[in-house]
Amino acid sequence: MACVKKGLSRQDAHEEIRVLSHQAADNVKKHGKDNDLLERIRRTAFFNPILGELDTLLDPSTFVGRAPQQVEKFTSTEVKKALEPYASAVAKAETSTLSV
């Protein structure tokens, strides 16, 4: 949508992203490399009009809404109440590390 606000075609923007995302996915799947979609977008002249705001557009806090506050409220009330019967077991529990 940022592209459209800068006068670019929404359909063209979607197509550019689709092509670049397929290239990046291919790079990951066939060559075992990191996903370089954002670098591809930054190197593509089509996206020059939005490059200055790309980092802001990709900031998760701009599109998660009130989710962080809702999770905090839910865990501090509902989850806390549900865990109360297990407080002594939780206090004695060891910390585990999960590596994926």
PDB file of N, CA and C in Angstrom:
ATOM      1  N   MET A   1       0.811  -1.190   0.000  1.00  0.00           N
ATOM      2  CA  MET A   1       0.000   0.000   0.000  1.00  0.00           C
ATOM      3  C   MET A   1       0.861   1.264   0.000  1.00  0.00           C
ATOM      4  N   ALA A   2       2.038   1.172   0.596  1.00  0.00           N
ATOM      5  CA  ALA A   2       2.939   2.330   0.583  1.00  0.00           C
ATOM      6  C   ALA A   2       3.322   2.675  -0.852  1.00  0.00           C
ATOM      7  N   CYS A   3       3.462   1.657  -1.682  1.00  0.00           N
ATOM      8  CA  CYS A   3       3.794   1.897  -3.093  1.00  0.00           C
ATOM      9  C   CYS A   3       2.665   2.651  -3.787  1.00  0.00           C
ATOM     10  N   VAL A   4       1.442   2.261  -3.499  1.00  0.00           N
ATOM     11  CA  VAL A   4       0.283   2.914  -4.111  1.00  0.00           C
ATOM     12  C   VAL A   4       0.225   4.378  -3.689  1.00  0.00           C
ATOM     13  N   LYS A   5       0.524   4.649  -2.421  1.00  0.00           N
ATOM     14  CA  LYS A   5       0.524   6.033  -1.938  1.00  0.00           C
ATOM     15  C   LYS A   5       1.574   6.875  -2.655  1.00  0.00           C
ATOM     16  N   LYS A   6       2.604   6.214  -3.172  1.00  0.00           N
ATOM     17  CA  LYS A   6       3.657   6.924  -3.909  1.00  0.00           C
ATOM     18  C   LYS A   6       3.367   6.956  -5.406  1.00  0.00           C
ATOM     19  N   GLY A   7       2.169   6.480  -5.802  1.00  0.00           N
ATOM     20  CA  GLY A   7       1.772   6.560  -7.199  1.00  0.00           C
ATOM     21  C   GLY A   7       2.068   5.324  -8.027  1.00  0.00           C
ATOM     22  N   LEU A   8       2.529   4.259  -7.405  1.00  0.00           N
ATOM     23  CA  LEU A   8       2.816   3.030  -8.137  1.00  0.00           C
ATOM     24  C   LEU A   8       1.562   2.167  -8.223  1.00  0.00           C
ATOM     25  N   SER A   9       1.543   1.287  -9.191  1.00  0.00           N
ATOM     26  CA  SER A   9       0.415   0.385  -9.376  1.00  0.00           C
ATOM     27  C   SER A   9       0.436  -0.722  -8.324  1.00  0.00           C
ATOM     28  N   ARG A  10      -0.708  -0.948  -7.687  1.00  0.00           N
ATOM     29  CA  ARG A  10      -0.802  -2.012  -6.682  1.00  0.00           C
ATOM     30  C   ARG A  10      -0.536  -3.366  -7.325  1.00  0.00           C
ATOM     31  N   GLN A  11      -1.088  -3.571  -8.507  1.00  0.00           N
ATOM     32  CA  GLN A  11      -0.892  -4.839  -9.210  1.00  0.00           C
ATOM     33  C   GLN A  11       0.583  -5.043  -9.556  1.00  0.00           C
ATOM     34  N   ASP A  12       1.238  -4.000 -10.033  1.00  0.00           N
ATOM     35  CA  ASP A  12       2.666  -4.104 -10.353  1.00  0.00           C
ATOM     36  C   ASP A  12       3.494  -4.360  -9.096  1.00  0.00           C
ATOM     37  N   ALA A  13       3.137  -3.707  -8.000  1.00  0.00           N
ATOM     38  CA  ALA A  13       3.864  -3.905  -6.740  1.00  0.00           C
ATOM     39  C   ALA A  13       3.724  -5.345  -6.264  1.00  0.00           C
ATOM     40  N   HIS A  14       2.512  -5.870  -6.334  1.00  0.00           N
ATOM     41  CA  HIS A  14       2.294  -7.265  -5.935  1.00  0.00           C
ATOM     42  C   HIS A  14       3.103  -8.214  -6.815  1.00  0.00           C
ATOM     43  N   GLU A  15       3.130  -7.942  -8.084  1.00  0.00           N
ATOM     44  CA  GLU A  15       3.880  -8.807  -9.004  1.00  0.00           C
ATOM     45  C   GLU A  15       5.377  -8.743  -8.725  1.00  0.00           C
ATOM     46  N   GLU A  16       5.894  -7.550  -8.483  1.00  0.00           N
ATOM     47  CA  GLU A  16       7.321  -7.411  -8.150  1.00  0.00           C
ATOM     48  C   GLU A  16       7.653  -8.207  -6.889  1.00  0.00           C
ATOM     49  N   ILE A  17       6.812  -8.070  -5.874  1.00  0.00           N
ATOM     50  CA  ILE A  17       7.044  -8.797  -4.622  1.00  0.00           C
ATOM     51  C   ILE A  17       6.925 -10.299  -4.850  1.00  0.00           C
ATOM     52  N   ARG A  18       5.942 -10.710  -5.645  1.00  0.00           N
ATOM     53  CA  ARG A  18       5.766 -12.137  -5.931  1.00  0.00           C
ATOM     54  C   ARG A  18       7.011 -12.713  -6.599  1.00  0.00           C
ATOM     55  N   VAL A  19       7.510 -12.040  -7.610  1.00  0.00           N
ATOM     56  CA  VAL A  19       8.697 -12.515  -8.329  1.00  0.00           C
ATOM     57  C   VAL A  19       9.902 -12.569  -7.393  1.00  0.00           C
ATOM     58  N   LEU A  20      10.120 -11.498  -6.642  1.00  0.00           N
ATOM     59  CA  LEU A  20      11.267 -11.456  -5.734  1.00  0.00           C
ATOM     60  C   LEU A  20      11.146 -12.496  -4.626  1.00  0.00           C
ATOM     61  N   SER A  21       9.937 -12.721  -4.136  1.00  0.00           N
ATOM     62  CA  SER A  21       9.762 -13.711  -3.065  1.00  0.00           C
ATOM     63  C   SER A  21      10.007 -15.118  -3.585  1.00  0.00           C
ATOM     64  N   HIS A  22       9.632 -15.385  -4.818  1.00  0.00           N
ATOM     65  CA  HIS A  22       9.917 -16.699  -5.413  1.00  0.00           C
ATOM     66  C   HIS A  22      11.425 -16.888  -5.596  1.00  0.00           C
ATOM     67  N   GLN A  23      12.103 -15.843  -6.019  1.00  0.00           N
ATOM     68  CA  GLN A  23      13.560 -15.928  -6.166  1.00  0.00           C
ATOM     69  C   GLN A  23      14.224 -16.173  -4.816  1.00  0.00           C
ATOM     70  N   ALA A  24      13.785 -15.453  -3.801  1.00  0.00           N
ATOM     71  CA  ALA A  24      14.361 -15.616  -2.461  1.00  0.00           C
ATOM     72  C   ALA A  24      14.072 -17.009  -1.918  1.00  0.00           C
ATOM     73  N   ALA A  25      12.860 -17.505  -2.122  1.00  0.00           N
ATOM     74  CA  ALA A  25      12.498 -18.849  -1.657  1.00  0.00           C
ATOM     75  C   ALA A  25      13.337 -19.898  -2.364  1.00  0.00           C
ATOM     76  N   ASP A  26      13.555 -19.710  -3.638  1.00  0.00           N
ATOM     77  CA  ASP A  26      14.394 -20.621  -4.416  1.00  0.00           C
ATOM     78  C   ASP A  26      15.809 -20.652  -3.844  1.00  0.00           C
ATOM     79  N   ASN A  27      16.311 -19.503  -3.496  1.00  0.00           N
ATOM     80  CA  ASN A  27      17.646 -19.370  -2.918  1.00  0.00           C
ATOM     81  C   ASN A  27      17.745 -20.156  -1.607  1.00  0.00           C
ATOM     82  N   VAL A  28      16.688 -20.103  -0.819  1.00  0.00           N
ATOM     83  CA  VAL A  28      16.662 -20.815   0.464  1.00  0.00           C
ATOM     84  C   VAL A  28      16.533 -22.313   0.238  1.00  0.00           C
ATOM     85  N   LYS A  29      15.566 -22.712  -0.574  1.00  0.00           N
ATOM     86  CA  LYS A  29      15.252 -24.132  -0.758  1.00  0.00           C
ATOM     87  C   LYS A  29      16.315 -24.895  -1.540  1.00  0.00           C
ATOM     88  N   LYS A  30      16.807 -24.311  -2.605  1.00  0.00           N
ATOM     89  CA  LYS A  30      17.751 -25.030  -3.467  1.00  0.00           C
ATOM     90  C   LYS A  30      19.204 -24.864  -3.059  1.00  0.00           C
ATOM     91  N   HIS A  31      19.516 -23.745  -2.409  1.00  0.00           N
ATOM     92  CA  HIS A  31      20.917 -23.463  -2.106  1.00  0.00           C
ATOM     93  C   HIS A  31      21.202 -23.373  -0.616  1.00  0.00           C
ATOM     94  N   GLY A  32      20.155 -23.518   0.209  1.00  0.00           N
ATOM     95  CA  GLY A  32      20.336 -23.494   1.654  1.00  0.00           C
ATOM     96  C   GLY A  32      20.807 -22.159   2.204  1.00  0.00           C
ATOM     97  N   LYS A  33      20.555 -21.101   1.473  1.00  0.00           N
ATOM     98  CA  LYS A  33      21.004 -19.774   1.909  1.00  0.00           C
ATOM     99  C   LYS A  33      19.918 -19.080   2.721  1.00  0.00           C
ATOM    100  N   ASP A  34      20.275 -17.954   3.318  1.00  0.00           N
ATOM    101  CA  ASP A  34      19.315 -17.166   4.085  1.00  0.00           C
ATOM    102  C   ASP A  34      18.303 -16.511   3.149  1.00  0.00           C
ATOM    103  N   ASN A  35      17.141 -16.210   3.700  1.00  0.00           N
ATOM    104  CA  ASN A  35      16.117 -15.507   2.944  1.00  0.00           C
ATOM    105  C   ASN A  35      16.577 -14.061   2.740  1.00  0.00           C
ATOM    106  N   ASP A  36      16.789 -13.690   1.512  1.00  0.00           N
ATOM    107  CA  ASP A  36      17.301 -12.353   1.197  1.00  0.00           C
ATOM    108  C   ASP A  36      16.253 -11.471   0.507  1.00  0.00           C
ATOM    109  N   LEU A  37      14.986 -11.731   0.797  1.00  0.00           N
ATOM    110  CA  LEU A  37      13.914 -10.979   0.142  1.00  0.00           C
ATOM    111  C   LEU A  37      14.054  -9.474   0.349  1.00  0.00           C
ATOM    112  N   LEU A  38      14.333  -9.068   1.570  1.00  0.00           N
ATOM    113  CA  LEU A  38      14.431  -7.623   1.824  1.00  0.00           C
ATOM    114  C   LEU A  38      15.584  -6.989   1.060  1.00  0.00           C
ATOM    115  N   GLU A  39      16.693  -7.692   0.962  1.00  0.00           N
ATOM    116  CA  GLU A  39      17.817  -7.163   0.184  1.00  0.00           C
ATOM    117  C   GLU A  39      17.434  -7.060  -1.289  1.00  0.00           C
ATOM    118  N   ARG A  40      16.700  -8.049  -1.777  1.00  0.00           N
ATOM    119  CA  ARG A  40      16.253  -8.016  -3.173  1.00  0.00           C
ATOM    120  C   ARG A  40      15.333  -6.813  -3.414  1.00  0.00           C
ATOM    121  N   ILE A  41      14.438  -6.564  -2.462  1.00  0.00           N
ATOM    122  CA  ILE A  41      13.539  -5.411  -2.584  1.00  0.00           C
ATOM    123  C   ILE A  41      14.353  -4.122  -2.595  1.00  0.00           C
ATOM    124  N   ARG A  42      15.326  -4.032  -1.703  1.00  0.00           N
ATOM    125  CA  ARG A  42      16.150  -2.814  -1.632  1.00  0.00           C
ATOM    126  C   ARG A  42      16.957  -2.590  -2.917  1.00  0.00           C
ATOM    127  N   ARG A  43      17.325  -3.669  -3.612  1.00  0.00           N
ATOM    128  CA  ARG A  43      18.128  -3.550  -4.839  1.00  0.00           C
ATOM    129  C   ARG A  43      17.279  -3.342  -6.093  1.00  0.00           C
ATOM    130  N   THR A  44      15.970  -3.442  -5.965  1.00  0.00           N
ATOM    131  CA  THR A  44      15.091  -3.336  -7.129  1.00  0.00           C
ATOM    132  C   THR A  44      14.615  -1.894  -7.294  1.00  0.00           C
ATOM    133  N   ALA A  45      14.914  -1.316  -8.431  1.00  0.00           N
ATOM    134  CA  ALA A  45      14.596   0.096  -8.688  1.00  0.00           C
ATOM    135  C   ALA A  45      13.112   0.406  -8.516  1.00  0.00           C
ATOM    136  N   PHE A  46      12.251  -0.555  -8.790  1.00  0.00           N
ATOM    137  CA  PHE A  46      10.811  -0.337  -8.664  1.00  0.00           C
ATOM    138  C   PHE A  46      10.443   0.209  -7.285  1.00  0.00           C
ATOM    139  N   PHE A  47      11.148  -0.256  -6.252  1.00  0.00           N
ATOM    140  CA  PHE A  47      10.808   0.114  -4.879  1.00  0.00           C
ATOM    141  C   PHE A  47      11.540   1.360  -4.375  1.00  0.00           C
ATOM    142  N   ASN A  48      12.293   2.030  -5.236  1.00  0.00           N
ATOM    143  CA  ASN A  48      13.011   3.241  -4.825  1.00  0.00           C
ATOM    144  C   ASN A  48      12.123   4.280  -4.138  1.00  0.00           C
ATOM    145  N   PRO A  49      10.890   4.478  -4.600  1.00  0.00           N
ATOM    146  CA  PRO A  49      10.058   5.498  -3.948  1.00  0.00           C
ATOM    147  C   PRO A  49       9.749   5.223  -2.468  1.00  0.00           C
ATOM    148  N   ILE A  50       9.851   3.970  -2.025  1.00  0.00           N
ATOM    149  CA  ILE A  50       9.528   3.671  -0.624  1.00  0.00           C
ATOM    150  C   ILE A  50      10.739   3.237   0.193  1.00  0.00           C
ATOM    151  N   LEU A  51      11.916   3.247  -0.386  1.00  0.00           N
ATOM    152  CA  LEU A  51      13.098   2.763   0.337  1.00  0.00           C
ATOM    153  C   LEU A  51      13.330   3.514   1.643  1.00  0.00           C
ATOM    154  N   GLY A  52      13.079   4.799   1.651  1.00  0.00           N
ATOM    155  CA  GLY A  52      13.294   5.594   2.855  1.00  0.00           C
ATOM    156  C   GLY A  52      12.388   5.221   4.015  1.00  0.00           C
ATOM    157  N   GLU A  53      11.251   4.610   3.712  1.00  0.00           N
ATOM    158  CA  GLU A  53      10.321   4.234   4.778  1.00  0.00           C
ATOM    159  C   GLU A  53      10.199   2.722   4.957  1.00  0.00           C
ATOM    160  N   LEU A  54      11.041   1.954   4.277  1.00  0.00           N
ATOM    161  CA  LEU A  54      10.942   0.494   4.329  1.00  0.00           C
ATOM    162  C   LEU A  54      11.121  -0.049   5.745  1.00  0.00           C
ATOM    163  N   ASP A  55      12.103   0.450   6.471  1.00  0.00           N
ATOM    164  CA  ASP A  55      12.324  -0.040   7.836  1.00  0.00           C
ATOM    165  C   ASP A  55      11.108   0.225   8.722  1.00  0.00           C
ATOM    166  N   THR A  56      10.500   1.380   8.577  1.00  0.00           N
ATOM    167  CA  THR A  56       9.298   1.700   9.356  1.00  0.00           C
ATOM    168  C   THR A  56       8.145   0.792   8.952  1.00  0.00           C
ATOM    169  N   LEU A  57       8.009   0.544   7.658  1.00  0.00           N
ATOM    170  CA  LEU A  57       6.940  -0.327   7.174  1.00  0.00           C
ATOM    171  C   LEU A  57       7.083  -1.752   7.701  1.00  0.00           C
ATOM    172  N   LEU A  58       8.313  -2.176   7.942  1.00  0.00           N
ATOM    173  CA  LEU A  58       8.572  -3.544   8.394  1.00  0.00           C
ATOM    174  C   LEU A  58       8.623  -3.681   9.910  1.00  0.00           C
ATOM    175  N   ASP A  59       8.455  -2.587  10.623  1.00  0.00           N
ATOM    176  CA  ASP A  59       8.487  -2.615  12.086  1.00  0.00           C
ATOM    177  C   ASP A  59       7.226  -3.310  12.600  1.00  0.00           C
ATOM    178  N   PRO A  60       7.379  -4.476  13.257  1.00  0.00           N
ATOM    179  CA  PRO A  60       6.207  -5.233  13.711  1.00  0.00           C
ATOM    180  C   PRO A  60       5.278  -4.441  14.624  1.00  0.00           C
ATOM    181  N   SER A  61       5.814  -3.517  15.376  1.00  0.00           N
ATOM    182  CA  SER A  61       4.964  -2.762  16.299  1.00  0.00           C
ATOM    183  C   SER A  61       3.931  -1.913  15.566  1.00  0.00           C
ATOM    184  N   THR A  62       4.132  -1.693  14.269  1.00  0.00           N
ATOM    185  CA  THR A  62       3.175  -0.889  13.516  1.00  0.00           C
ATOM    186  C   THR A  62       1.978  -1.698  13.027  1.00  0.00           C
ATOM    187  N   PHE A  63       2.014  -3.023  13.154  1.00  0.00           N
ATOM    188  CA  PHE A  63       0.870  -3.797  12.680  1.00  0.00           C
ATOM    189  C   PHE A  63       0.388  -4.891  13.624  1.00  0.00           C
ATOM    190  N   VAL A  64       0.829  -4.886  14.870  1.00  0.00           N
ATOM    191  CA  VAL A  64       0.322  -5.875  15.829  1.00  0.00           C
ATOM    192  C   VAL A  64      -0.797  -5.309  16.698  1.00  0.00           C
ATOM    193  N   GLY A  65      -1.074  -4.033  16.542  1.00  0.00           N
ATOM    194  CA  GLY A  65      -2.170  -3.434  17.286  1.00  0.00           C
ATOM    195  C   GLY A  65      -1.964  -3.512  18.786  1.00  0.00           C
ATOM    196  N   ARG A  66      -3.018  -3.890  19.488  1.00  0.00           N
ATOM    197  CA  ARG A  66      -2.971  -3.962  20.944  1.00  0.00           C
ATOM    198  C   ARG A  66      -2.571  -5.342  21.446  1.00  0.00           C
ATOM    199  N   ALA A  67      -2.138  -6.227  20.572  1.00  0.00           N
ATOM    200  CA  ALA A  67      -1.810  -7.599  20.976  1.00  0.00           C
ATOM    201  C   ALA A  67      -0.859  -7.667  22.168  1.00  0.00           C
ATOM    202  N   PRO A  68       0.234  -6.901  22.215  1.00  0.00           N
ATOM    203  CA  PRO A  68       1.126  -6.996  23.379  1.00  0.00           C
ATOM    204  C   PRO A  68       0.416  -6.678  24.702  1.00  0.00           C
ATOM    205  N   GLN A  69      -0.411  -5.642  24.706  1.00  0.00           N
ATOM    206  CA  GLN A  69      -1.135  -5.285  25.926  1.00  0.00           C
ATOM    207  C   GLN A  69      -2.172  -6.351  26.285  1.00  0.00           C
ATOM    208  N   GLN A  70      -2.828  -6.908  25.272  1.00  0.00           N
ATOM    209  CA  GLN A  70      -3.827  -7.942  25.521  1.00  0.00           C
ATOM    210  C   GLN A  70      -3.186  -9.201  26.092  1.00  0.00           C
ATOM    211  N   VAL A  71      -2.034  -9.575  25.567  1.00  0.00           N
ATOM    212  CA  VAL A  71      -1.326 -10.752  26.075  1.00  0.00           C
ATOM    213  C   VAL A  71      -0.879 -10.512  27.510  1.00  0.00           C
ATOM    214  N   GLU A  72      -0.343  -9.346  27.781  1.00  0.00           N
ATOM    215  CA  GLU A  72       0.096  -9.011  29.140  1.00  0.00           C
ATOM    216  C   GLU A  72      -1.067  -9.090  30.120  1.00  0.00           C
ATOM    217  N   LYS A  73      -2.191  -8.513  29.746  1.00  0.00           N
ATOM    218  CA  LYS A  73      -3.369  -8.540  30.618  1.00  0.00           C
ATOM    219  C   LYS A  73      -3.843  -9.976  30.834  1.00  0.00           C
ATOM    220  N   PHE A  74      -3.915 -10.758  29.773  1.00  0.00           N
ATOM    221  CA  PHE A  74      -4.387 -12.142  29.869  1.00  0.00           C
ATOM    222  C   PHE A  74      -3.465 -12.986  30.743  1.00  0.00           C
ATOM    223  N   THR A  75      -2.153 -12.854  30.531  1.00  0.00           N
ATOM    224  CA  THR A  75      -1.219 -13.665  31.321  1.00  0.00           C
ATOM    225  C   THR A  75      -1.179 -13.232  32.778  1.00  0.00           C
ATOM    226  N   SER A  76      -1.343 -11.939  33.032  1.00  0.00           N
ATOM    227  CA  SER A  76      -1.276 -11.474  34.422  1.00  0.00           C
ATOM    228  C   SER A  76      -2.570 -11.730  35.193  1.00  0.00           C
ATOM    229  N   THR A  77      -3.636 -12.068  34.492  1.00  0.00           N
ATOM    230  CA  THR A  77      -4.895 -12.364  35.186  1.00  0.00           C
ATOM    231  C   THR A  77      -5.265 -13.838  35.023  1.00  0.00           C
ATOM    232  N   GLU A  78      -5.715 -14.216  33.861  1.00  0.00           N
ATOM    233  CA  GLU A  78      -6.225 -15.572  33.623  1.00  0.00           C
ATOM    234  C   GLU A  78      -5.162 -16.653  33.805  1.00  0.00           C
ATOM    235  N   VAL A  79      -4.031 -16.477  33.176  1.00  0.00           N
ATOM    236  CA  VAL A  79      -2.981 -17.502  33.254  1.00  0.00           C
ATOM    237  C   VAL A  79      -2.435 -17.592  34.674  1.00  0.00           C
ATOM    238  N   LYS A  80      -2.241 -16.456  35.290  1.00  0.00           N
ATOM    239  CA  LYS A  80      -1.730 -16.441  36.668  1.00  0.00           C
ATOM    240  C   LYS A  80      -2.669 -17.215  37.595  1.00  0.00           C
ATOM    241  N   LYS A  81      -3.986 -16.982  37.455  1.00  0.00           N
ATOM    242  CA  LYS A  81      -4.969 -17.708  38.268  1.00  0.00           C
ATOM    243  C   LYS A  81      -4.920 -19.209  37.990  1.00  0.00           C
ATOM    244  N   ALA A  82      -4.805 -19.574  36.719  1.00  0.00           N
ATOM    245  CA  ALA A  82      -4.788 -20.992  36.349  1.00  0.00           C
ATOM    246  C   ALA A  82      -3.542 -21.700  36.874  1.00  0.00           C
ATOM    247  N   LEU A  83      -2.440 -20.975  37.023  1.00  0.00           N
ATOM    248  CA  LEU A  83      -1.185 -21.581  37.491  1.00  0.00           C
ATOM    249  C   LEU A  83      -1.047 -21.606  39.010  1.00  0.00           C
ATOM    250  N   GLU A  84      -1.893 -20.872  39.726  1.00  0.00           N
ATOM    251  CA  GLU A  84      -1.776 -20.805  41.189  1.00  0.00           C
ATOM    252  C   GLU A  84      -1.718 -22.171  41.867  1.00  0.00           C
ATOM    253  N   PRO A  85      -2.539 -23.153  41.480  1.00  0.00           N
ATOM    254  CA  PRO A  85      -2.463 -24.463  42.137  1.00  0.00           C
ATOM    255  C   PRO A  85      -1.110 -25.163  41.951  1.00  0.00           C
ATOM    256  N   TYR A  86      -0.356 -24.732  40.972  1.00  0.00           N
ATOM    257  CA  TYR A  86       0.923 -25.372  40.660  1.00  0.00           C
ATOM    258  C   TYR A  86       2.120 -24.517  41.068  1.00  0.00           C
ATOM    259  N   ALA A  87       1.900 -23.496  41.845  1.00  0.00           N
ATOM    260  CA  ALA A  87       2.948 -22.535  42.197  1.00  0.00           C
ATOM    261  C   ALA A  87       4.164 -23.202  42.825  1.00  0.00           C
ATOM    262  N   SER A  88       3.960 -24.149  43.732  1.00  0.00           N
ATOM    263  CA  SER A  88       5.112 -24.787  44.383  1.00  0.00           C
ATOM    264  C   SER A  88       5.896 -25.638  43.386  1.00  0.00           C
ATOM    265  N   ALA A  89       5.212 -26.320  42.494  1.00  0.00           N
ATOM    266  CA  ALA A  89       5.900 -27.131  41.484  1.00  0.00           C
ATOM    267  C   ALA A  89       6.668 -26.243  40.508  1.00  0.00           C
ATOM    268  N   VAL A  90       6.078 -25.137  40.132  1.00  0.00           N
ATOM    269  CA  VAL A  90       6.738 -24.205  39.216  1.00  0.00           C
ATOM    270  C   VAL A  90       7.978 -23.619  39.875  1.00  0.00           C
ATOM    271  N   ALA A  91       7.882 -23.306  41.150  1.00  0.00           N
ATOM    272  CA  ALA A  91       9.023 -22.730  41.873  1.00  0.00           C
ATOM    273  C   ALA A  91      10.195 -23.703  41.943  1.00  0.00           C
ATOM    274  N   LYS A  92       9.906 -25.001  41.996  1.00  0.00           N
ATOM    275  CA  LYS A  92      10.954 -26.020  42.089  1.00  0.00           C
ATOM    276  C   LYS A  92      11.463 -26.477  40.720  1.00  0.00           C
ATOM    277  N   ALA A  93      10.759 -26.128  39.678  1.00  0.00           N
ATOM    278  CA  ALA A  93      11.089 -26.628  38.339  1.00  0.00           C
ATOM    279  C   ALA A  93      12.433 -26.104  37.858  1.00  0.00           C
ATOM    280  N   GLU A  94      13.119 -26.963  37.119  1.00  0.00           N
ATOM    281  CA  GLU A  94      14.395 -26.565  36.512  1.00  0.00           C
ATOM    282  C   GLU A  94      14.119 -25.844  35.202  1.00  0.00           C
ATOM    283  N   THR A  95      15.059 -25.044  34.805  1.00  0.00           N
ATOM    284  CA  THR A  95      14.953 -24.359  33.527  1.00  0.00           C
ATOM    285  C   THR A  95      15.553 -25.242  32.448  1.00  0.00           C
ATOM    286  N   SER A  96      14.834 -25.379  31.351  1.00  0.00           N
ATOM    287  CA  SER A  96      15.312 -26.174  30.227  1.00  0.00           C
ATOM    288  C   SER A  96      15.640 -25.262  29.064  1.00  0.00           C
ATOM    289  N   THR A  97      16.504 -25.737  28.204  1.00  0.00           N
ATOM    290  CA  THR A  97      16.850 -24.992  27.002  1.00  0.00           C
ATOM    291  C   THR A  97      16.409 -25.798  25.795  1.00  0.00           C
ATOM    292  N   LEU A  98      15.744 -25.150  24.879  1.00  0.00           N
ATOM    293  CA  LEU A  98      15.280 -25.799  23.665  1.00  0.00           C
ATOM    294  C   LEU A  98      16.059 -25.229  22.493  1.00  0.00           C
ATOM    295  N   SER A  99      16.688 -26.100  21.751  1.00  0.00           N
ATOM    296  CA  SER A  99      17.408 -25.672  20.550  1.00  0.00           C
ATOM    297  C   SER A  99      16.775 -26.357  19.353  1.00  0.00           C
ATOM    298  N   VAL A 100      16.413 -25.566  18.374  1.00  0.00           N
ATOM    299  CA  VAL A 100      15.762 -26.120  17.188  1.00  0.00           C
ATOM    300  C   VAL A 100      16.681 -25.969  16.006  1.00  0.00           C
TER     301      VAL A 100
END
